[in-house]
C-alpha cells in the first residue's frame, strides 16, 4: 500500500502539479478530459479522493471510482497510469463498489451543465447572476454551492444546485426558476430525499451541524450547514441516522411557521441523546435574513430539553394543539 506522499507523486507524474483542498482528503489537478475536449485547461477542477481514488470534474462532470482509468485513457505516461489504476484497485482487480453506484442512472445533470462561476461574465447569463445576487449570493457563495446553468429546455432560465455524497458522486440537484412568472418554481430530480444527505461532501459530522428547510436558507449560514429539503426528518431519513450515529450536535433553524414540526424533530433527536438547539427567530425565514441576522439567531438559539418542550406546549394550549 502506498503512502499519501507516494500517491501524490504518482498522481503528479500523470496529471502534473496537484493541490490539496481544505479538508486534506482530496487533491485537485487539471482535468485531462477537459484538456482533450478543448475546455478550460488552466484551472485545477478534477477532484480526486486520495484514499479511494474516486474522481469528479466540476466542469465536464467526468466521474468514476478509479482515477487510474481516466489516466490510462488520456495521459501520455501509460506506465505511470497503469500503476495509478492498480493503486486504487481491490485485490481482485476490481474497483471498490460504492454505495451510490446505482445513482448514476437515476440522477443526471443536463449534458451542457456549466458552473456559473465559469460563465458569469457572459451576457447570456446576466439574468441568472442578477437573480442570485438578489437572493444573497456573491461570487464566493456561487462557487461554494457549485451553482450551474443549462440551456436545455427543461432547465433554461433556472439556476441549478447540485449535491454530492461523501464519495463525490452526484446524489441530488435542485433547479430553481429565475422567472417570477414561472408556475413551477422548482424542477428537482425524483430521487427520494430520505435516502440522501444534501451537500454531504461538504459536511463534517464531528462538529455541530445547522439544519434549515431549503437551499436558499443556507445562503448566509456557516459552512457546516445543510437543508432537509422540506420541513421534516425522522429515523427513516439518512441524515437523521448519520446524526445519531456520530452523536452530532444540531441547530434547527426552520421557518417560523414550522415551529411545531421543529419541536417534534428536536424531541426525536433528544431521545437519541443528541444535543439540540432551536432557533427562535421570528418574522423572517433564514433565506430572507442578512448574515448578521443569521449570526444573531444562531447565537441566541436555545438548547432543547423537556423544560423547553413543556413551555412550548403551554403556549400552544390556547390553540388547543397539543402533541
Foldseek 3Di string as FASTA:
>chain_A
DDDLVVLLVLVCVQFNDWAADPVNQKIFGFQLVCVVVVHDGPDGQWIAGSPQQWIAGLAQGDTDRHVLVSSCVGTPPNVSSVVSRVVNADPVSHHDDDPCVVCVVQDDDDRNKGQCLVCVPPPVCVLVVVLCVVLQDDSVNSVVQRKIADPPPVQHQWIKGWFAALSRHTDWMWTAHSDPPDPPGIDIGPPDLLEDFGNNNQADQLEEEEEEADPLLCNLPDRRYGYSVHLADAPSGPVLVSCLVNLGAYEYQYAQVSVVRVLVRLVRSVVSVRWYWYFPDPDDHSSPDDNVVVVVSVVPTGTDDVVVVVVVQVVCVVVVDDD
